[in-house]
């Protein structure tokens, strides 16, 4: 699972940015990850200011940590 902590901008943007970083490291998301990623939100939905969010993308089989 690849995880990226971000604030503010919508999660779909950060999912695409994480995909670019995975590709730069020679990794890729699992098949169907475009519609199957997780957004973890750590602040209340009604909180004021930047909310802390993470985007999680499952990695494709065969990555270095696949045991």
N, C-alpha and C. Protein backbone atom coordinates (compact mmCIF):
# COMPACT_ATOMS: atom_id res chain seq x y z
N UNK A 1 0.85 -1.16 0.00
CA UNK A 1 0.00 0.00 0.00
C UNK A 1 0.90 1.23 0.00
N UNK A 2 0.68 2.11 -0.93
CA UNK A 2 1.40 3.38 -0.97
C UNK A 2 0.52 4.43 -0.31
N UNK A 3 1.11 5.26 0.52
CA UNK A 3 0.35 6.26 1.27
C UNK A 3 1.00 7.62 1.11
N UNK A 4 0.17 8.66 0.95
CA UNK A 4 0.68 10.02 0.83
C UNK A 4 -0.21 10.93 1.65
N UNK A 5 0.37 11.64 2.62
CA UNK A 5 -0.37 12.57 3.46
C UNK A 5 -0.42 13.92 2.79
N UNK A 6 -1.62 14.46 2.62
CA UNK A 6 -1.79 15.76 1.97
C UNK A 6 -2.88 16.54 2.69
N UNK A 7 -2.92 17.83 2.43
CA UNK A 7 -3.98 18.66 2.99
C UNK A 7 -4.62 19.49 1.89
N UNK A 8 -5.85 19.89 2.11
CA UNK A 8 -6.50 20.88 1.28
C UNK A 8 -7.13 20.42 -0.02
N UNK A 9 -6.35 20.16 -1.05
CA UNK A 9 -6.84 19.90 -2.41
C UNK A 9 -7.58 18.55 -2.46
N UNK A 10 -8.59 18.41 -3.32
CA UNK A 10 -9.38 17.17 -3.40
C UNK A 10 -8.53 15.92 -3.62
N UNK A 11 -9.00 14.80 -3.06
CA UNK A 11 -8.26 13.55 -3.04
C UNK A 11 -7.97 12.97 -4.42
N UNK A 12 -8.82 13.18 -5.41
CA UNK A 12 -8.54 12.62 -6.74
C UNK A 12 -7.26 13.20 -7.33
N UNK A 13 -7.03 14.48 -7.09
CA UNK A 13 -5.79 15.12 -7.54
C UNK A 13 -4.59 14.44 -6.90
N UNK A 14 -4.65 14.21 -5.58
CA UNK A 14 -3.52 13.60 -4.88
C UNK A 14 -3.34 12.14 -5.27
N UNK A 15 -4.41 11.44 -5.60
CA UNK A 15 -4.28 10.06 -6.07
C UNK A 15 -3.48 10.03 -7.37
N UNK A 16 -3.76 10.96 -8.28
CA UNK A 16 -3.00 11.02 -9.55
C UNK A 16 -1.54 11.39 -9.29
N UNK A 17 -1.30 12.30 -8.34
CA UNK A 17 0.07 12.68 -8.01
C UNK A 17 0.83 11.49 -7.40
N UNK A 18 0.17 10.72 -6.56
CA UNK A 18 0.80 9.54 -5.97
C UNK A 18 1.11 8.51 -7.05
N UNK A 19 0.21 8.34 -8.03
CA UNK A 19 0.49 7.42 -9.14
C UNK A 19 1.75 7.83 -9.88
N UNK A 20 1.96 9.14 -10.08
CA UNK A 20 3.17 9.62 -10.75
C UNK A 20 4.41 9.29 -9.93
N UNK A 21 4.34 9.45 -8.62
CA UNK A 21 5.48 9.14 -7.75
C UNK A 21 5.76 7.64 -7.74
N UNK A 22 4.72 6.83 -7.76
CA UNK A 22 4.91 5.37 -7.84
C UNK A 22 5.64 5.01 -9.14
N UNK A 23 5.20 5.58 -10.25
CA UNK A 23 5.82 5.29 -11.55
C UNK A 23 7.28 5.71 -11.55
N UNK A 24 7.60 6.84 -10.94
CA UNK A 24 8.98 7.31 -10.88
C UNK A 24 9.86 6.34 -10.08
N UNK A 25 9.25 5.60 -9.14
CA UNK A 25 9.99 4.61 -8.35
C UNK A 25 9.90 3.21 -8.94
N UNK A 26 9.31 3.08 -10.13
CA UNK A 26 9.20 1.78 -10.77
C UNK A 26 8.09 0.91 -10.20
N UNK A 27 7.12 1.52 -9.53
CA UNK A 27 6.01 0.78 -8.94
C UNK A 27 4.72 1.16 -9.65
N UNK A 28 3.69 0.37 -9.44
CA UNK A 28 2.38 0.69 -10.01
C UNK A 28 1.29 0.23 -9.06
N UNK A 29 0.12 0.81 -9.24
CA UNK A 29 -1.02 0.41 -8.43
C UNK A 29 -1.58 -0.92 -8.90
N UNK A 30 -2.28 -1.59 -8.00
CA UNK A 30 -2.93 -2.86 -8.33
C UNK A 30 -3.97 -2.63 -9.42
N UNK A 31 -4.29 -3.67 -10.20
CA UNK A 31 -5.32 -3.52 -11.22
C UNK A 31 -6.62 -3.00 -10.61
N UNK A 32 -7.20 -1.99 -11.26
CA UNK A 32 -8.43 -1.39 -10.79
C UNK A 32 -8.25 -0.34 -9.71
N UNK A 33 -7.01 0.01 -9.40
CA UNK A 33 -6.78 0.96 -8.30
C UNK A 33 -7.36 2.35 -8.58
N UNK A 34 -7.59 2.68 -9.84
CA UNK A 34 -8.13 4.00 -10.17
C UNK A 34 -9.48 4.23 -9.50
N UNK A 35 -10.22 3.15 -9.30
CA UNK A 35 -11.53 3.23 -8.66
C UNK A 35 -11.55 2.57 -7.29
N UNK A 36 -10.38 2.19 -6.81
CA UNK A 36 -10.32 1.44 -5.55
C UNK A 36 -9.17 1.93 -4.69
N UNK A 37 -9.16 3.23 -4.40
CA UNK A 37 -8.17 3.75 -3.47
C UNK A 37 -8.89 4.24 -2.23
N UNK A 38 -8.14 4.42 -1.16
CA UNK A 38 -8.72 4.80 0.12
C UNK A 38 -8.30 6.22 0.46
N UNK A 39 -9.23 6.99 0.97
CA UNK A 39 -8.92 8.32 1.50
C UNK A 39 -9.16 8.26 3.00
N UNK A 40 -8.10 8.49 3.77
CA UNK A 40 -8.22 8.54 5.23
C UNK A 40 -8.23 10.01 5.63
N UNK A 41 -9.29 10.42 6.31
CA UNK A 41 -9.43 11.80 6.74
C UNK A 41 -9.39 11.83 8.26
N UNK A 42 -8.47 12.64 8.80
CA UNK A 42 -8.22 12.62 10.23
C UNK A 42 -8.87 13.76 11.00
N UNK A 43 -9.45 14.71 10.33
CA UNK A 43 -10.12 15.80 11.01
C UNK A 43 -11.61 15.71 10.74
N UNK A 44 -12.39 16.30 11.63
CA UNK A 44 -13.84 16.29 11.45
C UNK A 44 -14.21 17.00 10.16
N UNK A 45 -15.25 16.53 9.51
CA UNK A 45 -15.66 17.09 8.22
C UNK A 45 -16.03 18.57 8.34
N UNK A 46 -16.43 19.01 9.51
CA UNK A 46 -16.82 20.40 9.71
C UNK A 46 -15.68 21.25 10.27
N UNK A 47 -14.45 20.71 10.34
CA UNK A 47 -13.33 21.46 10.90
C UNK A 47 -12.93 22.62 9.99
N UNK A 48 -12.40 23.66 10.59
CA UNK A 48 -11.98 24.85 9.86
C UNK A 48 -10.49 24.74 9.56
N UNK A 49 -10.08 25.19 8.39
CA UNK A 49 -8.66 25.15 8.03
C UNK A 49 -8.32 23.90 7.25
N UNK A 50 -7.04 23.68 7.04
CA UNK A 50 -6.58 22.51 6.30
C UNK A 50 -6.85 21.24 7.08
N UNK A 51 -7.55 20.32 6.43
CA UNK A 51 -7.81 19.02 7.03
C UNK A 51 -6.72 18.06 6.60
N UNK A 52 -6.32 17.17 7.50
CA UNK A 52 -5.29 16.19 7.19
C UNK A 52 -5.93 14.98 6.50
N UNK A 53 -5.38 14.62 5.35
CA UNK A 53 -5.89 13.51 4.56
C UNK A 53 -4.73 12.66 4.09
N UNK A 54 -4.99 11.38 3.88
CA UNK A 54 -4.04 10.49 3.23
C UNK A 54 -4.75 9.82 2.07
N UNK A 55 -4.00 9.54 1.02
CA UNK A 55 -4.50 8.75 -0.10
C UNK A 55 -3.73 7.44 -0.08
N UNK A 56 -4.44 6.32 -0.08
CA UNK A 56 -3.81 5.00 -0.07
C UNK A 56 -4.12 4.30 -1.38
N UNK A 57 -3.09 3.79 -2.04
CA UNK A 57 -3.25 3.03 -3.28
C UNK A 57 -2.61 1.66 -3.09
N UNK A 58 -3.38 0.58 -3.29
CA UNK A 58 -2.78 -0.75 -3.18
C UNK A 58 -1.78 -0.96 -4.32
N UNK A 59 -0.64 -1.58 -3.99
CA UNK A 59 0.39 -1.82 -4.99
C UNK A 59 0.12 -3.09 -5.79
N UNK A 60 0.58 -3.10 -7.04
CA UNK A 60 0.44 -4.27 -7.90
C UNK A 60 1.29 -5.41 -7.34
N UNK A 61 0.86 -6.64 -7.51
CA UNK A 61 1.67 -7.78 -7.06
C UNK A 61 3.06 -7.75 -7.69
N UNK A 62 4.04 -8.24 -6.93
CA UNK A 62 5.39 -8.30 -7.43
C UNK A 62 6.27 -7.14 -6.97
N UNK A 63 5.72 -6.26 -6.15
CA UNK A 63 6.55 -5.15 -5.63
C UNK A 63 7.54 -5.71 -4.59
N UNK A 64 8.58 -4.95 -4.25
CA UNK A 64 9.64 -5.45 -3.36
C UNK A 64 9.15 -5.91 -1.98
N UNK A 65 8.00 -5.43 -1.51
CA UNK A 65 7.52 -5.80 -0.19
C UNK A 65 6.44 -6.86 -0.25
N UNK A 66 6.26 -7.46 -1.40
CA UNK A 66 5.23 -8.49 -1.60
C UNK A 66 5.77 -9.83 -1.12
N UNK A 67 5.37 -10.22 0.05
CA UNK A 67 5.84 -11.50 0.60
C UNK A 67 4.70 -12.47 0.76
